[in-house]
Amino acid sequence: MFGRCLQYFGGFGMGGMMFMWIFWIALIILVIYLATRLLNDRSGKVSTDESALDILKKELAKGNITEEEFDRKKKLL
């Protein structure tokens, strides 16, 4: 009976089956982590290397703010 149990679980017994479950769960968690990290990088987050003035200049260049808004916000900085 013990031989059949070892044969059923690939020769590693219950420990081998438990290891496989842990392996697959860890692999799934890793894939989810990498996918969310990749999606967050592509979501348009502003780089931390940019200063507030650089961001403000880009908003003006895109036409999202007017020159008056740019001057007012620049003074606040």
PDB file of N, CA and C in Angstrom:
ATOM      1  N   MET A   1       0.821  -1.192   0.000  1.00  0.00           N
ATOM      2  CA  MET A   1       0.000   0.000   0.000  1.00  0.00           C
ATOM      3  C   MET A   1       0.868   1.260   0.000  1.00  0.00           C
ATOM      4  N   PHE A   2       1.933   1.253   0.792  1.00  0.00           N
ATOM      5  CA  PHE A   2       2.817   2.413   0.834  1.00  0.00           C
ATOM      6  C   PHE A   2       3.479   2.633  -0.523  1.00  0.00           C
ATOM      7  N   GLY A   3       3.809   1.554  -1.206  1.00  0.00           N
ATOM      8  CA  GLY A   3       4.412   1.656  -2.538  1.00  0.00           C
ATOM      9  C   GLY A   3       3.470   2.304  -3.533  1.00  0.00           C
ATOM     10  N   ARG A   4       2.189   1.975  -3.427  1.00  0.00           N
ATOM     11  CA  ARG A   4       1.200   2.602  -4.324  1.00  0.00           C
ATOM     12  C   ARG A   4       1.083   4.090  -4.042  1.00  0.00           C
ATOM     13  N   CYS A   5       1.151   4.462  -2.784  1.00  0.00           N
ATOM     14  CA  CYS A   5       1.067   5.877  -2.411  1.00  0.00           C
ATOM     15  C   CYS A   5       2.238   6.651  -3.002  1.00  0.00           C
ATOM     16  N   LEU A   6       3.444   6.097  -2.883  1.00  0.00           N
ATOM     17  CA  LEU A   6       4.620   6.755  -3.457  1.00  0.00           C
ATOM     18  C   LEU A   6       4.517   6.844  -4.971  1.00  0.00           C
ATOM     19  N   GLN A   7       4.016   5.780  -5.567  1.00  0.00           N
ATOM     20  CA  GLN A   7       3.873   5.767  -7.012  1.00  0.00           C
ATOM     21  C   GLN A   7       2.829   6.796  -7.453  1.00  0.00           C
ATOM     22  N   TYR A   8       1.769   6.942  -6.698  1.00  0.00           N
ATOM     23  CA  TYR A   8       0.694   7.878  -7.038  1.00  0.00           C
ATOM     24  C   TYR A   8       1.194   9.317  -6.973  1.00  0.00           C
ATOM     25  N   PHE A   9       2.021   9.648  -5.998  1.00  0.00           N
ATOM     26  CA  PHE A   9       2.505  11.013  -5.837  1.00  0.00           C
ATOM     27  C   PHE A   9       3.851  11.243  -6.521  1.00  0.00           C
ATOM     28  N   GLY A  10       4.164  10.464  -7.501  1.00  0.00           N
ATOM     29  CA  GLY A  10       5.367  10.667  -8.289  1.00  0.00           C
ATOM     30  C   GLY A  10       6.632  10.204  -7.603  1.00  0.00           C
ATOM     31  N   GLY A  11       6.524   9.344  -6.632  1.00  0.00           N
ATOM     32  CA  GLY A  11       7.705   8.833  -5.961  1.00  0.00           C
ATOM     33  C   GLY A  11       8.193   9.708  -4.824  1.00  0.00           C
ATOM     34  N   PHE A  12       7.586  10.858  -4.612  1.00  0.00           N
ATOM     35  CA  PHE A  12       8.027  11.763  -3.555  1.00  0.00           C
ATOM     36  C   PHE A  12       7.085  11.775  -2.362  1.00  0.00           C
ATOM     37  N   GLY A  13       6.014  11.060  -2.434  1.00  0.00           N
ATOM     38  CA  GLY A  13       5.063  11.008  -1.327  1.00  0.00           C
ATOM     39  C   GLY A  13       4.295  12.313  -1.181  1.00  0.00           C
ATOM     40  N   MET A  14       3.723  12.494  -0.015  1.00  0.00           N
ATOM     41  CA  MET A  14       2.916  13.690   0.254  1.00  0.00           C
ATOM     42  C   MET A  14       3.766  14.956   0.235  1.00  0.00           C
ATOM     43  N   GLY A  15       5.030  14.850   0.650  1.00  0.00           N
ATOM     44  CA  GLY A  15       5.912  16.019   0.635  1.00  0.00           C
ATOM     45  C   GLY A  15       6.120  16.549  -0.767  1.00  0.00           C
ATOM     46  N   GLY A  16       6.244  15.657  -1.723  1.00  0.00           N
ATOM     47  CA  GLY A  16       6.412  16.078  -3.111  1.00  0.00           C
ATOM     48  C   GLY A  16       5.182  16.769  -3.645  1.00  0.00           C
ATOM     49  N   MET A  17       4.026  16.246  -3.289  1.00  0.00           N
ATOM     50  CA  MET A  17       2.783  16.877  -3.742  1.00  0.00           C
ATOM     51  C   MET A  17       2.631  18.257  -3.098  1.00  0.00           C
ATOM     52  N   MET A  18       2.979  18.372  -1.821  1.00  0.00           N
ATOM     53  CA  MET A  18       2.888  19.656  -1.142  1.00  0.00           C
ATOM     54  C   MET A  18       3.868  20.649  -1.771  1.00  0.00           C
ATOM     55  N   PHE A  19       5.063  20.188  -2.119  1.00  0.00           N
ATOM     56  CA  PHE A  19       6.039  21.052  -2.771  1.00  0.00           C
ATOM     57  C   PHE A  19       5.503  21.557  -4.107  1.00  0.00           C
ATOM     58  N   MET A  20       4.851  20.707  -4.866  1.00  0.00           N
ATOM     59  CA  MET A  20       4.297  21.124  -6.148  1.00  0.00           C
ATOM     60  C   MET A  20       3.210  22.175  -5.974  1.00  0.00           C
ATOM     61  N   TRP A  21       2.366  22.009  -4.966  1.00  0.00           N
ATOM     62  CA  TRP A  21       1.337  23.019  -4.686  1.00  0.00           C
ATOM     63  C   TRP A  21       1.984  24.358  -4.343  1.00  0.00           C
ATOM     64  N   ILE A  22       3.001  24.326  -3.498  1.00  0.00           N
ATOM     65  CA  ILE A  22       3.700  25.560  -3.114  1.00  0.00           C
ATOM     66  C   ILE A  22       4.359  26.188  -4.340  1.00  0.00           C
ATOM     67  N   PHE A  23       4.968  25.368  -5.180  1.00  0.00           N
ATOM     68  CA  PHE A  23       5.615  25.865  -6.390  1.00  0.00           C
ATOM     69  C   PHE A  23       4.612  26.573  -7.291  1.00  0.00           C
ATOM     70  N   TRP A  24       3.474  25.937  -7.552  1.00  0.00           N
ATOM     71  CA  TRP A  24       2.492  26.536  -8.463  1.00  0.00           C
ATOM     72  C   TRP A  24       1.860  27.788  -7.874  1.00  0.00           C
ATOM     73  N   ILE A  25       1.606  27.798  -6.589  1.00  0.00           N
ATOM     74  CA  ILE A  25       1.047  28.999  -5.950  1.00  0.00           C
ATOM     75  C   ILE A  25       2.055  30.139  -6.029  1.00  0.00           C
ATOM     76  N   ALA A  26       3.330  29.850  -5.753  1.00  0.00           N
ATOM     77  CA  ALA A  26       4.364  30.884  -5.833  1.00  0.00           C
ATOM     78  C   ALA A  26       4.502  31.397  -7.264  1.00  0.00           C
ATOM     79  N   LEU A  27       4.413  30.512  -8.236  1.00  0.00           N
ATOM     80  CA  LEU A  27       4.515  30.916  -9.639  1.00  0.00           C
ATOM     81  C   LEU A  27       3.348  31.826 -10.030  1.00  0.00           C
ATOM     82  N   ILE A  28       2.158  31.490  -9.598  1.00  0.00           N
ATOM     83  CA  ILE A  28       0.981  32.312  -9.904  1.00  0.00           C
ATOM     84  C   ILE A  28       1.109  33.685  -9.251  1.00  0.00           C
ATOM     85  N   ILE A  29       1.560  33.726  -8.006  1.00  0.00           N
ATOM     86  CA  ILE A  29       1.742  35.002  -7.309  1.00  0.00           C
ATOM     87  C   ILE A  29       2.794  35.844  -8.031  1.00  0.00           C
ATOM     88  N   LEU A  30       3.874  35.219  -8.478  1.00  0.00           N
ATOM     89  CA  LEU A  30       4.924  35.944  -9.196  1.00  0.00           C
ATOM     90  C   LEU A  30       4.391  36.526 -10.505  1.00  0.00           C
ATOM     91  N   VAL A  31       3.619  35.764 -11.232  1.00  0.00           N
ATOM     92  CA  VAL A  31       3.055  36.247 -12.500  1.00  0.00           C
ATOM     93  C   VAL A  31       2.113  37.422 -12.247  1.00  0.00           C
ATOM     94  N   ILE A  32       1.278  37.329 -11.231  1.00  0.00           N
ATOM     95  CA  ILE A  32       0.356  38.423 -10.905  1.00  0.00           C
ATOM     96  C   ILE A  32       1.132  39.667 -10.499  1.00  0.00           C
ATOM     97  N   TYR A  33       2.163  39.498  -9.682  1.00  0.00           N
ATOM     98  CA  TYR A  33       2.986  40.626  -9.253  1.00  0.00           C
ATOM     99  C   TYR A  33       3.647  41.321 -10.446  1.00  0.00           C
ATOM    100  N   LEU A  34       4.246  40.532 -11.327  1.00  0.00           N
ATOM    101  CA  LEU A  34       4.919  41.119 -12.484  1.00  0.00           C
ATOM    102  C   LEU A  34       3.933  41.801 -13.431  1.00  0.00           C
ATOM    103  N   ALA A  35       2.756  41.212 -13.596  1.00  0.00           N
ATOM    104  CA  ALA A  35       1.743  41.811 -14.475  1.00  0.00           C
ATOM    105  C   ALA A  35       1.262  43.147 -13.909  1.00  0.00           C
ATOM    106  N   THR A  36       1.003  43.210 -12.615  1.00  0.00           N
ATOM    107  CA  THR A  36       0.539  44.471 -12.027  1.00  0.00           C
ATOM    108  C   THR A  36       1.631  45.519 -12.055  1.00  0.00           C
ATOM    109  N   ARG A  37       2.866  45.101 -11.856  1.00  0.00           N
ATOM    110  CA  ARG A  37       3.970  46.060 -11.908  1.00  0.00           C
ATOM    111  C   ARG A  37       4.139  46.608 -13.319  1.00  0.00           C
ATOM    112  N   LEU A  38       4.026  45.747 -14.311  1.00  0.00           N
ATOM    113  CA  LEU A  38       4.134  46.181 -15.704  1.00  0.00           C
ATOM    114  C   LEU A  38       2.993  47.129 -16.062  1.00  0.00           C
ATOM    115  N   LEU A  39       1.792  46.814 -15.630  1.00  0.00           N
ATOM    116  CA  LEU A  39       0.654  47.681 -15.929  1.00  0.00           C
ATOM    117  C   LEU A  39       0.776  49.022 -15.234  1.00  0.00           C
ATOM    118  N   ASN A  40       1.294  49.037 -14.010  1.00  0.00           N
ATOM    119  CA  ASN A  40       1.477  50.305 -13.302  1.00  0.00           C
ATOM    120  C   ASN A  40       2.531  51.164 -13.972  1.00  0.00           C
ATOM    121  N   ASP A  41       3.569  50.563 -14.530  1.00  0.00           N
ATOM    122  CA  ASP A  41       4.600  51.325 -15.220  1.00  0.00           C
ATOM    123  C   ASP A  41       4.058  51.954 -16.487  1.00  0.00           C
ATOM    124  N   ARG A  42       3.103  51.313 -17.122  1.00  0.00           N
ATOM    125  CA  ARG A  42       2.540  51.830 -18.367  1.00  0.00           C
ATOM    126  C   ARG A  42       1.332  52.735 -18.131  1.00  0.00           C
ATOM    127  N   SER A  43       0.927  52.932 -16.906  1.00  0.00           N
ATOM    128  CA  SER A  43      -0.300  53.679 -16.640  1.00  0.00           C
ATOM    129  C   SER A  43      -0.107  55.187 -16.725  1.00  0.00           C
ATOM    130  N   GLY A  44       1.077  55.648 -17.068  1.00  0.00           N
ATOM    131  CA  GLY A  44       1.290  57.080 -17.230  1.00  0.00           C
ATOM    132  C   GLY A  44       1.695  57.767 -15.952  1.00  0.00           C
ATOM    133  N   LYS A  45       2.232  57.034 -15.024  1.00  0.00           N
ATOM    134  CA  LYS A  45       2.698  57.669 -13.795  1.00  0.00           C
ATOM    135  C   LYS A  45       3.828  58.629 -14.130  1.00  0.00           C
ATOM    136  N   VAL A  46       3.869  59.702 -13.393  1.00  0.00           N
ATOM    137  CA  VAL A  46       4.905  60.697 -13.603  1.00  0.00           C
ATOM    138  C   VAL A  46       6.185  60.199 -12.952  1.00  0.00           C
ATOM    139  N   SER A  47       7.262  60.312 -13.665  1.00  0.00           N
ATOM    140  CA  SER A  47       8.551  59.889 -13.128  1.00  0.00           C
ATOM    141  C   SER A  47       8.925  60.769 -11.948  1.00  0.00           C
ATOM    142  N   THR A  48       9.561  60.184 -10.959  1.00  0.00           N
ATOM    143  CA  THR A  48       9.959  60.946  -9.774  1.00  0.00           C
ATOM    144  C   THR A  48      11.150  61.841 -10.072  1.00  0.00           C
ATOM    145  N   ASP A  49      11.782  61.689 -11.240  1.00  0.00           N
ATOM    146  CA  ASP A  49      12.920  62.520 -11.601  1.00  0.00           C
ATOM    147  C   ASP A  49      12.495  63.895 -12.116  1.00  0.00           C
ATOM    148  N   GLU A  50      11.224  64.040 -12.466  1.00  0.00           N
ATOM    149  CA  GLU A  50      10.745  65.307 -12.996  1.00  0.00           C
ATOM    150  C   GLU A  50      10.412  66.265 -11.853  1.00  0.00           C
ATOM    151  N   SER A  51      10.768  67.512 -12.054  1.00  0.00           N
ATOM    152  CA  SER A  51      10.406  68.516 -11.065  1.00  0.00           C
ATOM    153  C   SER A  51       8.977  68.989 -11.339  1.00  0.00           C
ATOM    154  N   ALA A  52       8.428  69.697 -10.381  1.00  0.00           N
ATOM    155  CA  ALA A  52       7.067  70.213 -10.529  1.00  0.00           C
ATOM    156  C   ALA A  52       6.996  71.206 -11.694  1.00  0.00           C
ATOM    157  N   LEU A  53       8.065  71.979 -11.879  1.00  0.00           N
ATOM    158  CA  LEU A  53       8.090  72.947 -12.972  1.00  0.00           C
ATOM    159  C   LEU A  53       8.111  72.245 -14.324  1.00  0.00           C
ATOM    160  N   ASP A  54       8.845  71.126 -14.427  1.00  0.00           N
ATOM    161  CA  ASP A  54       8.858  70.361 -15.677  1.00  0.00           C
ATOM    162  C   ASP A  54       7.470  69.833 -16.014  1.00  0.00           C
ATOM    163  N   ILE A  55       6.778  69.345 -15.005  1.00  0.00           N
ATOM    164  CA  ILE A  55       5.418  68.835 -15.205  1.00  0.00           C
ATOM    165  C   ILE A  55       4.500  69.961 -15.648  1.00  0.00           C
ATOM    166  N   LEU A  56       4.650  71.122 -15.015  1.00  0.00           N
ATOM    167  CA  LEU A  56       3.829  72.280 -15.360  1.00  0.00           C
ATOM    168  C   LEU A  56       4.093  72.716 -16.801  1.00  0.00           C
ATOM    169  N   LYS A  57       5.350  72.687 -17.215  1.00  0.00           N
ATOM    170  CA  LYS A  57       5.695  73.046 -18.603  1.00  0.00           C
ATOM    171  C   LYS A  57       5.065  72.074 -19.593  1.00  0.00           C
ATOM    172  N   LYS A  58       5.069  70.805 -19.247  1.00  0.00           N
ATOM    173  CA  LYS A  58       4.459  69.807 -20.132  1.00  0.00           C
ATOM    174  C   LYS A  58       2.950  70.030 -20.247  1.00  0.00           C
ATOM    175  N   GLU A  59       2.318  70.365 -19.148  1.00  0.00           N
ATOM    176  CA  GLU A  59       0.874  70.630 -19.180  1.00  0.00           C
ATOM    177  C   GLU A  59       0.566  71.831 -20.071  1.00  0.00           C
ATOM    178  N   LEU A  60       1.409  72.852 -20.017  1.00  0.00           N
ATOM    179  CA  LEU A  60       1.232  74.015 -20.888  1.00  0.00           C
ATOM    180  C   LEU A  60       1.436  73.624 -22.345  1.00  0.00           C
ATOM    181  N   ALA A  61       2.452  72.814 -22.602  1.00  0.00           N
ATOM    182  CA  ALA A  61       2.741  72.394 -23.978  1.00  0.00           C
ATOM    183  C   ALA A  61       1.608  71.539 -24.548  1.00  0.00           C
ATOM    184  N   LYS A  62       0.987  70.735 -23.706  1.00  0.00           N
ATOM    185  CA  LYS A  62      -0.128  69.901 -24.164  1.00  0.00           C
ATOM    186  C   LYS A  62      -1.391  70.717 -24.387  1.00  0.00           C
ATOM    187  N   GLY A  63      -1.434  71.904 -23.810  1.00  0.00           N
ATOM    188  CA  GLY A  63      -2.624  72.740 -23.934  1.00  0.00           C
ATOM    189  C   GLY A  63      -3.650  72.482 -22.850  1.00  0.00           C
ATOM    190  N   ASN A  64      -3.231  71.791 -21.801  1.00  0.00           N
ATOM    191  CA  ASN A  64      -4.162  71.493 -20.707  1.00  0.00           C
ATOM    192  C   ASN A  64      -4.389  72.694 -19.797  1.00  0.00           C
ATOM    193  N   ILE A  65      -3.445  73.637 -19.790  1.00  0.00           N
ATOM    194  CA  ILE A  65      -3.593  74.855 -18.992  1.00  0.00           C
ATOM    195  C   ILE A  65      -3.258  76.052 -19.869  1.00  0.00           C
ATOM    196  N   THR A  66      -3.744  77.201 -19.482  1.00  0.00           N
ATOM    197  CA  THR A  66      -3.457  78.431 -20.229  1.00  0.00           C
ATOM    198  C   THR A  66      -2.177  79.052 -19.699  1.00  0.00           C
ATOM    199  N   GLU A  67      -1.692  80.070 -20.409  1.00  0.00           N
ATOM    200  CA  GLU A  67      -0.476  80.759 -19.974  1.00  0.00           C
ATOM    201  C   GLU A  67      -0.694  81.456 -18.634  1.00  0.00           C
ATOM    202  N   GLU A  68      -1.887  81.992 -18.430  1.00  0.00           N
ATOM    203  CA  GLU A  68      -2.189  82.664 -17.167  1.00  0.00           C
ATOM    204  C   GLU A  68      -2.142  81.658 -16.007  1.00  0.00           C
ATOM    205  N   GLU A  69      -2.713  80.470 -16.232  1.00  0.00           N
ATOM    206  CA  GLU A  69      -2.672  79.434 -15.207  1.00  0.00           C
ATOM    207  C   GLU A  69      -1.229  78.994 -14.960  1.00  0.00           C
ATOM    208  N   PHE A  70      -0.453  78.907 -16.045  1.00  0.00           N
ATOM    209  CA  PHE A  70       0.947  78.505 -15.907  1.00  0.00           C
ATOM    210  C   PHE A  70       1.700  79.512 -15.044  1.00  0.00           C
ATOM    211  N   ASP A  71       1.515  80.830 -15.346  1.00  0.00           N
ATOM    212  CA  ASP A  71       2.217  81.865 -14.575  1.00  0.00           C
ATOM    213  C   ASP A  71       1.789  81.854 -13.111  1.00  0.00           C
ATOM    214  N   ARG A  72       0.481  81.669 -12.875  1.00  0.00           N
ATOM    215  CA  ARG A  72      -0.020  81.661 -11.504  1.00  0.00           C
ATOM    216  C   ARG A  72       0.533  80.461 -10.729  1.00  0.00           C
ATOM    217  N   LYS A  73       0.539  79.317 -11.339  1.00  0.00           N
ATOM    218  CA  LYS A  73       1.031  78.099 -10.665  1.00  0.00           C
ATOM    219  C   LYS A  73       2.559  78.147 -10.501  1.00  0.00           C
ATOM    220  N   LYS A  74       3.242  78.756 -11.469  1.00  0.00           N
ATOM    221  CA  LYS A  74       4.696  78.879 -11.376  1.00  0.00           C
ATOM    222  C   LYS A  74       5.091  79.746 -10.184  1.00  0.00           C
ATOM    223  N   LYS A  75       4.315  80.807  -9.932  1.00  0.00           N
ATOM    224  CA  LYS A  75       4.587  81.658  -8.775  1.00  0.00           C
ATOM    225  C   LYS A  75       4.397  80.911  -7.455  1.00  0.00           C
ATOM    226  N   LEU A  76       3.431  79.998  -7.452  1.00  0.00           N
ATOM    227  CA  LEU A  76       3.195  79.220  -6.247  1.00  0.00           C
ATOM    228  C   LEU A  76       4.351  78.254  -5.940  1.00  0.00           C
ATOM    229  N   LEU A  77       5.013  77.834  -6.996  1.00  0.00           N
ATOM    230  CA  LEU A  77       6.138  76.917  -6.809  1.00  0.00           C
ATOM    231  C   LEU A  77       7.328  77.663  -6.277  1.00  0.00           C
TER     232      LEU A  77
END
